[in-house]
Amino acid sequence: MRKRTLARELALKVLYQAEITRRDVKTADQIFWTEMEEVDKAVREFARMLTLGVGQHLQDIDDFISKYGTNWQIKRMAVIDRNILRLGVFELMFASDIPPKVTINEAVELAKKYGDVDSSKFVNGILDKIHKVEILKEKKL
């Protein structure tokens, strides 16, 4: 498994744990890495950048998801789908060094692995809309 793919998977686990245990992301991140076995430094750093970035921008990220998740209230989405979307939106909006197609593809793969039958289509649809409307609009300015 590629390092960034593994890092995204670990970041998803932290976000999932934070939500399920009702802890803030920073606390969940600290607990996760304290209990985690040795992981490559680059994997750990990228995973933590994603996790803590999502935590820092959570309200903005959730606003984007709500805006483009037509007919879906964010709290009614499956926990795993919601957190995959959060990772994807963070990368699209705040990690400009990562190509949007890579971000969307990685999120779709996470949804296939951890979500239900329709999760990958759901995640792809929302992230693709955000990419087309927000990111491409920004580049035209």
N, C-alpha and C. Protein backbone atom coordinates (compact mmCIF):
# COMPACT_ATOMS: atom_id res chain seq x y z
N MET A 1 0.85 -1.18 0.00
CA MET A 1 0.00 0.00 0.00
C MET A 1 0.90 1.24 0.00
N ARG A 2 0.54 2.21 -0.81
CA ARG A 2 1.32 3.44 -0.89
C ARG A 2 1.22 4.22 0.42
N LYS A 3 2.24 4.99 0.72
CA LYS A 3 2.32 5.70 1.99
C LYS A 3 1.15 6.66 2.20
N ARG A 4 0.81 7.46 1.20
CA ARG A 4 -0.28 8.42 1.38
C ARG A 4 -1.64 7.72 1.46
N THR A 5 -1.78 6.62 0.77
CA THR A 5 -3.02 5.84 0.86
C THR A 5 -3.19 5.32 2.28
N LEU A 6 -2.12 4.77 2.83
CA LEU A 6 -2.15 4.29 4.22
C LEU A 6 -2.42 5.45 5.18
N ALA A 7 -1.80 6.58 4.94
CA ALA A 7 -2.00 7.74 5.81
C ALA A 7 -3.45 8.20 5.80
N ARG A 8 -4.08 8.20 4.64
CA ARG A 8 -5.49 8.58 4.55
C ARG A 8 -6.36 7.59 5.32
N GLU A 9 -6.03 6.34 5.22
CA GLU A 9 -6.78 5.30 5.93
C GLU A 9 -6.66 5.51 7.45
N LEU A 10 -5.46 5.79 7.92
CA LEU A 10 -5.25 6.03 9.34
C LEU A 10 -5.95 7.31 9.79
N ALA A 11 -5.91 8.34 8.97
CA ALA A 11 -6.60 9.59 9.30
C ALA A 11 -8.10 9.36 9.41
N LEU A 12 -8.64 8.55 8.51
CA LEU A 12 -10.07 8.21 8.56
C LEU A 12 -10.40 7.51 9.87
N LYS A 13 -9.54 6.62 10.31
CA LYS A 13 -9.77 5.91 11.57
C LYS A 13 -9.79 6.88 12.75
N VAL A 14 -8.90 7.85 12.74
CA VAL A 14 -8.88 8.85 13.81
C VAL A 14 -10.18 9.66 13.81
N LEU A 15 -10.58 10.13 12.65
CA LEU A 15 -11.82 10.93 12.56
C LEU A 15 -13.04 10.11 12.97
N TYR A 16 -13.07 8.86 12.56
CA TYR A 16 -14.17 7.98 12.93
C TYR A 16 -14.21 7.80 14.45
N GLN A 17 -13.05 7.52 15.04
CA GLN A 17 -12.98 7.35 16.50
C GLN A 17 -13.39 8.63 17.22
N ALA A 18 -12.97 9.76 16.72
CA ALA A 18 -13.33 11.03 17.35
C ALA A 18 -14.84 11.19 17.40
N GLU A 19 -15.48 10.90 16.28
CA GLU A 19 -16.92 11.07 16.23
C GLU A 19 -17.67 10.04 17.08
N ILE A 20 -17.26 8.79 17.01
CA ILE A 20 -17.93 7.73 17.76
C ILE A 20 -17.77 7.93 19.27
N THR A 21 -16.58 8.37 19.69
CA THR A 21 -16.33 8.55 21.12
C THR A 21 -16.67 9.96 21.61
N ARG A 22 -17.11 10.80 20.69
CA ARG A 22 -17.49 12.19 21.01
C ARG A 22 -16.33 12.99 21.60
N ARG A 23 -15.15 12.73 21.06
CA ARG A 23 -13.97 13.49 21.46
C ARG A 23 -13.66 14.50 20.37
N ASP A 24 -12.97 15.57 20.75
CA ASP A 24 -12.52 16.49 19.71
C ASP A 24 -11.41 15.79 18.92
N VAL A 25 -11.18 16.25 17.71
CA VAL A 25 -10.25 15.58 16.81
C VAL A 25 -8.83 15.58 17.38
N LYS A 26 -8.43 16.66 17.97
CA LYS A 26 -7.06 16.74 18.51
C LYS A 26 -6.83 15.68 19.60
N THR A 27 -7.79 15.51 20.49
CA THR A 27 -7.68 14.51 21.55
C THR A 27 -7.68 13.11 20.96
N ALA A 28 -8.59 12.85 20.02
CA ALA A 28 -8.64 11.53 19.38
C ALA A 28 -7.33 11.22 18.66
N ASP A 29 -6.76 12.24 18.02
CA ASP A 29 -5.50 12.08 17.33
C ASP A 29 -4.38 11.69 18.30
N GLN A 30 -4.32 12.38 19.42
CA GLN A 30 -3.29 12.08 20.43
C GLN A 30 -3.43 10.65 20.96
N ILE A 31 -4.65 10.26 21.28
CA ILE A 31 -4.90 8.92 21.81
C ILE A 31 -4.54 7.86 20.76
N PHE A 32 -4.97 8.08 19.53
CA PHE A 32 -4.72 7.12 18.45
C PHE A 32 -3.23 6.87 18.28
N TRP A 33 -2.45 7.93 18.20
CA TRP A 33 -1.02 7.78 17.93
C TRP A 33 -0.25 7.28 19.15
N THR A 34 -0.79 7.48 20.33
CA THR A 34 -0.17 6.92 21.53
C THR A 34 -0.30 5.40 21.53
N GLU A 35 -1.45 4.93 21.05
CA GLU A 35 -1.73 3.49 21.05
C GLU A 35 -1.28 2.79 19.76
N MET A 36 -0.90 3.56 18.76
CA MET A 36 -0.55 2.99 17.46
C MET A 36 0.86 2.43 17.47
N GLU A 37 1.00 1.29 16.82
CA GLU A 37 2.33 0.70 16.66
C GLU A 37 3.18 1.60 15.77
N GLU A 38 4.43 1.29 15.67
CA GLU A 38 5.34 2.09 14.84
C GLU A 38 4.82 2.18 13.40
N VAL A 39 4.83 3.39 12.90
CA VAL A 39 4.42 3.67 11.53
C VAL A 39 5.49 4.56 10.91
N ASP A 40 5.72 4.39 9.64
CA ASP A 40 6.66 5.22 8.92
C ASP A 40 6.41 6.70 9.23
N LYS A 41 7.48 7.45 9.44
CA LYS A 41 7.37 8.86 9.82
C LYS A 41 6.57 9.67 8.79
N ALA A 42 6.80 9.46 7.51
CA ALA A 42 6.08 10.19 6.47
C ALA A 42 4.58 9.87 6.49
N VAL A 43 4.25 8.63 6.76
CA VAL A 43 2.84 8.22 6.86
C VAL A 43 2.19 8.92 8.04
N ARG A 44 2.85 8.87 9.16
CA ARG A 44 2.32 9.49 10.38
C ARG A 44 2.13 11.00 10.20
N GLU A 45 3.12 11.66 9.62
CA GLU A 45 3.05 13.12 9.44
C GLU A 45 1.92 13.51 8.49
N PHE A 46 1.77 12.78 7.39
CA PHE A 46 0.70 13.10 6.44
C PHE A 46 -0.67 12.81 7.06
N ALA A 47 -0.79 11.71 7.76
CA ALA A 47 -2.06 11.37 8.42
C ALA A 47 -2.44 12.43 9.45
N ARG A 48 -1.48 12.86 10.23
CA ARG A 48 -1.74 13.88 11.25
C ARG A 48 -2.07 15.24 10.62
N MET A 49 -1.41 15.56 9.52
CA MET A 49 -1.72 16.81 8.82
C MET A 49 -3.17 16.80 8.36
N LEU A 50 -3.61 15.66 7.81
CA LEU A 50 -5.00 15.53 7.37
C LEU A 50 -5.96 15.61 8.55
N THR A 51 -5.69 14.82 9.56
CA THR A 51 -6.59 14.75 10.72
C THR A 51 -6.73 16.10 11.41
N LEU A 52 -5.60 16.69 11.75
CA LEU A 52 -5.63 17.97 12.47
C LEU A 52 -6.15 19.09 11.57
N GLY A 53 -5.89 19.00 10.27
CA GLY A 53 -6.44 19.99 9.33
C GLY A 53 -7.95 19.92 9.27
N VAL A 54 -8.49 18.70 9.22
CA VAL A 54 -9.94 18.54 9.24
C VAL A 54 -10.49 19.12 10.54
N GLY A 55 -9.85 18.79 11.66
CA GLY A 55 -10.31 19.31 12.95
C GLY A 55 -10.31 20.83 13.00
N GLN A 56 -9.28 21.43 12.44
CA GLN A 56 -9.15 22.89 12.45
C GLN A 56 -10.20 23.57 11.58
N HIS A 57 -10.55 22.94 10.47
CA HIS A 57 -11.48 23.55 9.50
C HIS A 57 -12.83 22.85 9.46
N LEU A 58 -13.16 22.13 10.51
CA LEU A 58 -14.34 21.26 10.51
C LEU A 58 -15.63 21.98 10.11
N GLN A 59 -15.88 23.15 10.66
CA GLN A 59 -17.13 23.84 10.34
C GLN A 59 -17.20 24.24 8.87
N ASP A 60 -16.10 24.77 8.33
CA ASP A 60 -16.07 25.13 6.91
C ASP A 60 -16.25 23.90 6.03
N ILE A 61 -15.59 22.83 6.40
CA ILE A 61 -15.69 21.58 5.63
C ILE A 61 -17.12 21.06 5.66
N ASP A 62 -17.72 21.03 6.83
CA ASP A 62 -19.11 20.56 6.94
C ASP A 62 -20.07 21.46 6.17
N ASP A 63 -19.79 22.76 6.13
CA ASP A 63 -20.63 23.68 5.34
C ASP A 63 -20.57 23.33 3.86
N PHE A 64 -19.37 23.02 3.35
CA PHE A 64 -19.24 22.61 1.95
C PHE A 64 -19.99 21.31 1.69
N ILE A 65 -19.84 20.36 2.58
CA ILE A 65 -20.53 19.07 2.41
C ILE A 65 -22.04 19.29 2.41
N SER A 66 -22.52 20.10 3.32
CA SER A 66 -23.97 20.38 3.39
C SER A 66 -24.45 21.08 2.12
N LYS A 67 -23.66 22.02 1.64
CA LYS A 67 -24.04 22.79 0.44
C LYS A 67 -24.16 21.88 -0.78
N TYR A 68 -23.24 20.94 -0.92
CA TYR A 68 -23.22 20.10 -2.12
C TYR A 68 -23.83 18.71 -1.92
N GLY A 69 -24.17 18.37 -0.72
CA GLY A 69 -24.84 17.10 -0.44
C GLY A 69 -26.33 17.29 -0.58
N THR A 70 -26.75 17.64 -1.76
CA THR A 70 -28.15 17.96 -2.05
C THR A 70 -29.08 16.90 -1.46
N ASN A 71 -30.07 17.38 -0.73
CA ASN A 71 -31.07 16.53 -0.09
C ASN A 71 -30.51 15.64 1.02
N TRP A 72 -29.30 15.94 1.49
CA TRP A 72 -28.69 15.15 2.55
C TRP A 72 -28.24 16.09 3.67
N GLN A 73 -28.80 15.91 4.86
CA GLN A 73 -28.30 16.62 6.02
C GLN A 73 -27.04 15.90 6.48
N ILE A 74 -26.02 16.66 6.80
CA ILE A 74 -24.73 16.05 7.14
C ILE A 74 -24.84 15.08 8.32
N LYS A 75 -25.67 15.38 9.28
CA LYS A 75 -25.81 14.51 10.46
C LYS A 75 -26.53 13.20 10.12
N ARG A 76 -27.22 13.18 8.99
CA ARG A 76 -27.94 11.96 8.59
C ARG A 76 -27.10 11.04 7.70
N MET A 77 -25.94 11.54 7.28
CA MET A 77 -25.04 10.71 6.46
C MET A 77 -24.41 9.64 7.35
N ALA A 78 -24.03 8.54 6.75
CA ALA A 78 -23.31 7.50 7.49
C ALA A 78 -22.02 8.10 8.03
N VAL A 79 -21.66 7.73 9.23
CA VAL A 79 -20.47 8.29 9.89
C VAL A 79 -19.23 8.11 9.02
N ILE A 80 -19.06 6.95 8.44
CA ILE A 80 -17.87 6.69 7.62
C ILE A 80 -17.88 7.55 6.37
N ASP A 81 -19.03 7.69 5.70
CA ASP A 81 -19.12 8.52 4.50
C ASP A 81 -18.82 9.98 4.84
N ARG A 82 -19.39 10.45 5.92
CA ARG A 82 -19.19 11.84 6.36
C ARG A 82 -17.70 12.13 6.58
N ASN A 83 -17.01 11.19 7.20
CA ASN A 83 -15.59 11.42 7.49
C ASN A 83 -14.70 11.24 6.27
N ILE A 84 -15.07 10.39 5.36
CA ILE A 84 -14.35 10.30 4.09
C ILE A 84 -14.52 11.62 3.33
N LEU A 85 -15.74 12.13 3.32
CA LEU A 85 -15.98 13.42 2.67
C LEU A 85 -15.18 14.54 3.33
N ARG A 86 -15.11 14.53 4.64
CA ARG A 86 -14.33 15.55 5.34
C ARG A 86 -12.87 15.52 4.91
N LEU A 87 -12.30 14.33 4.83
CA LEU A 87 -10.91 14.22 4.36
C LEU A 87 -10.78 14.75 2.94
N GLY A 88 -11.69 14.34 2.07
CA GLY A 88 -11.64 14.78 0.68
C GLY A 88 -11.79 16.28 0.53
N VAL A 89 -12.74 16.85 1.24
CA VAL A 89 -12.94 18.30 1.15
C VAL A 89 -11.74 19.05 1.71
N PHE A 90 -11.18 18.56 2.79
CA PHE A 90 -9.97 19.20 3.32
C PHE A 90 -8.87 19.22 2.26
N GLU A 91 -8.65 18.08 1.63
CA GLU A 91 -7.61 18.03 0.60
C GLU A 91 -7.92 18.96 -0.56
N LEU A 92 -9.16 18.96 -1.02
CA LEU A 92 -9.53 19.81 -2.15
C LEU A 92 -9.38 21.30 -1.82
N MET A 93 -9.78 21.68 -0.62
CA MET A 93 -9.83 23.10 -0.27
C MET A 93 -8.54 23.64 0.36
N PHE A 94 -7.81 22.80 1.05
CA PHE A 94 -6.68 23.31 1.84
C PHE A 94 -5.34 22.65 1.54
N ALA A 95 -5.31 21.65 0.69
CA ALA A 95 -4.05 20.98 0.35
C ALA A 95 -3.84 21.07 -1.16
N SER A 96 -3.52 22.25 -1.63
CA SER A 96 -3.47 22.52 -3.07
C SER A 96 -2.35 21.77 -3.79
N ASP A 97 -1.41 21.19 -3.05
CA ASP A 97 -0.33 20.43 -3.68
C ASP A 97 -0.77 19.03 -4.13
N ILE A 98 -1.97 18.62 -3.72
CA ILE A 98 -2.48 17.30 -4.09
C ILE A 98 -3.46 17.48 -5.25
N PRO A 99 -3.22 16.83 -6.38
CA PRO A 99 -4.13 16.96 -7.53
C PRO A 99 -5.55 16.51 -7.15
N PRO A 100 -6.56 17.30 -7.52
CA PRO A 100 -7.95 16.96 -7.18
C PRO A 100 -8.36 15.56 -7.62
N LYS A 101 -7.91 15.11 -8.78
CA LYS A 101 -8.28 13.77 -9.24
C LYS A 101 -7.75 12.69 -8.30
N VAL A 102 -6.56 12.91 -7.76
CA VAL A 102 -5.97 11.97 -6.80
C VAL A 102 -6.82 11.95 -5.53
N THR A 103 -7.15 13.15 -5.03
CA THR A 103 -7.97 13.26 -3.83
C THR A 103 -9.29 12.53 -3.98
N ILE A 104 -9.98 12.78 -5.08
CA ILE A 104 -11.29 12.17 -5.31
C ILE A 104 -11.15 10.65 -5.44
N ASN A 105 -10.17 10.20 -6.20
CA ASN A 105 -9.96 8.76 -6.38
C ASN A 105 -9.65 8.07 -5.05
N GLU A 106 -8.80 8.67 -4.25
CA GLU A 106 -8.45 8.08 -2.95
C GLU A 106 -9.68 8.01 -2.04
N ALA A 107 -10.50 9.05 -2.06
CA ALA A 107 -11.72 9.06 -1.24
C ALA A 107 -12.69 7.98 -1.71
N VAL A 108 -12.82 7.83 -3.01
CA VAL A 108 -13.70 6.80 -3.56
C VAL A 108 -13.21 5.41 -3.15
N GLU A 109 -11.91 5.21 -3.18
CA GLU A 109 -11.36 3.91 -2.78
C GLU A 109 -11.60 3.64 -1.29
N LEU A 110 -11.47 4.66 -0.46
CA LEU A 110 -11.80 4.50 0.97
C LEU A 110 -13.27 4.13 1.14
N ALA A 111 -14.13 4.79 0.36
CA ALA A 111 -15.57 4.51 0.45
C ALA A 111 -15.87 3.07 0.02
N LYS A 112 -15.19 2.59 -1.01
CA LYS A 112 -15.38 1.21 -1.45
C LYS A 112 -14.95 0.23 -0.36
N LYS A 113 -13.87 0.55 0.32
CA LYS A 113 -13.33 -0.35 1.33
C LYS A 113 -14.12 -0.32 2.64
N TYR A 114 -14.54 0.87 3.07
CA TYR A 114 -15.15 1.00 4.39
C TYR A 114 -16.64 1.33 4.38
N GLY A 115 -17.15 1.81 3.27
CA GLY A 115 -18.55 2.20 3.22
C GLY A 115 -19.46 1.07 2.78
N ASP A 116 -20.70 1.44 2.50
CA ASP A 116 -21.64 0.44 2.01
C ASP A 116 -21.63 0.43 0.48
N VAL A 117 -22.56 -0.26 -0.11
CA VAL A 117 -22.59 -0.46 -1.56
C VAL A 117 -22.62 0.85 -2.34
N ASP A 118 -23.35 1.85 -1.86
CA ASP A 118 -23.51 3.10 -2.59
C ASP A 118 -22.56 4.20 -2.14
N SER A 119 -21.73 3.93 -1.15
CA SER A 119 -20.86 4.98 -0.59
C SER A 119 -19.92 5.59 -1.62
N SER A 120 -19.33 4.76 -2.45
CA SER A 120 -18.35 5.30 -3.40
C SER A 120 -19.00 6.26 -4.40
N LYS A 121 -20.19 5.95 -4.86
CA LYS A 121 -20.90 6.85 -5.78
C LYS A 121 -21.28 8.14 -5.08
N PHE A 122 -21.74 8.02 -3.85
CA PHE A 122 -22.14 9.17 -3.04
C PHE A 122 -20.95 10.11 -2.83
N VAL A 123 -19.84 9.56 -2.38
CA VAL A 123 -18.63 10.34 -2.11
C VAL A 123 -18.12 10.98 -3.41
N ASN A 124 -18.07 10.19 -4.47
CA ASN A 124 -17.61 10.70 -5.76
C ASN A 124 -18.47 11.87 -6.23
N GLY A 125 -19.78 11.73 -6.13
CA GLY A 125 -20.70 12.77 -6.59
C GLY A 125 -20.49 14.09 -5.86
N ILE A 126 -20.39 14.04 -4.55
CA ILE A 126 -20.24 15.27 -3.78
C ILE A 126 -18.87 15.90 -4.01
N LEU A 127 -17.82 15.12 -3.96
CA LEU A 127 -16.47 15.68 -4.16
C LEU A 127 -16.30 16.21 -5.58
N ASP A 128 -16.87 15.53 -6.55
CA ASP A 128 -16.78 16.00 -7.93
C ASP A 128 -17.50 17.34 -8.10
N LYS A 129 -18.66 17.49 -7.47
CA LYS A 129 -19.38 18.77 -7.53
C LYS A 129 -18.56 19.89 -6.89
N ILE A 130 -18.00 19.62 -5.73
CA ILE A 130 -17.18 20.63 -5.05
C ILE A 130 -15.99 21.00 -5.92
N HIS A 131 -15.36 20.00 -6.51
CA HIS A 131 -14.22 20.27 -7.39
C HIS A 131 -14.62 21.14 -8.57
N LYS A 132 -15.68 20.75 -9.25
CA LYS A 132 -16.10 21.49 -10.45
C LYS A 132 -16.57 22.90 -10.13
N VAL A 133 -17.32 23.07 -9.08
CA VAL A 133 -17.89 24.38 -8.78
C VAL A 133 -16.91 25.27 -8.02
N GLU A 134 -16.32 24.78 -6.98
CA GLU A 134 -15.47 25.61 -6.13
C GLU A 134 -14.03 25.73 -6.62
N ILE A 135 -13.40 24.61 -6.90
CA ILE A 135 -11.98 24.62 -7.23
C ILE A 135 -11.75 25.18 -8.63
N LEU A 136 -12.49 24.71 -9.60
CA LEU A 136 -12.30 25.19 -10.95
C LEU A 136 -12.71 26.66 -11.08
N LYS A 137 -13.73 27.08 -10.33
CA LYS A 137 -14.14 28.49 -10.32
C LYS A 137 -13.00 29.36 -9.79
N GLU A 138 -12.36 28.90 -8.74
CA GLU A 138 -11.25 29.62 -8.12
C GLU A 138 -10.09 29.77 -9.10
N LYS A 139 -9.82 28.74 -9.89
CA LYS A 139 -8.72 28.80 -10.85
C LYS A 139 -9.01 29.78 -11.98
N LYS A 140 -10.29 29.98 -12.32
CA LYS A 140 -10.65 30.91 -13.39
C LYS A 140 -10.47 32.36 -12.96
N LEU A 141 -10.54 32.60 -11.64
CA LEU A 141 -10.41 33.98 -11.15
C LEU A 141 -9.03 34.43 -11.25
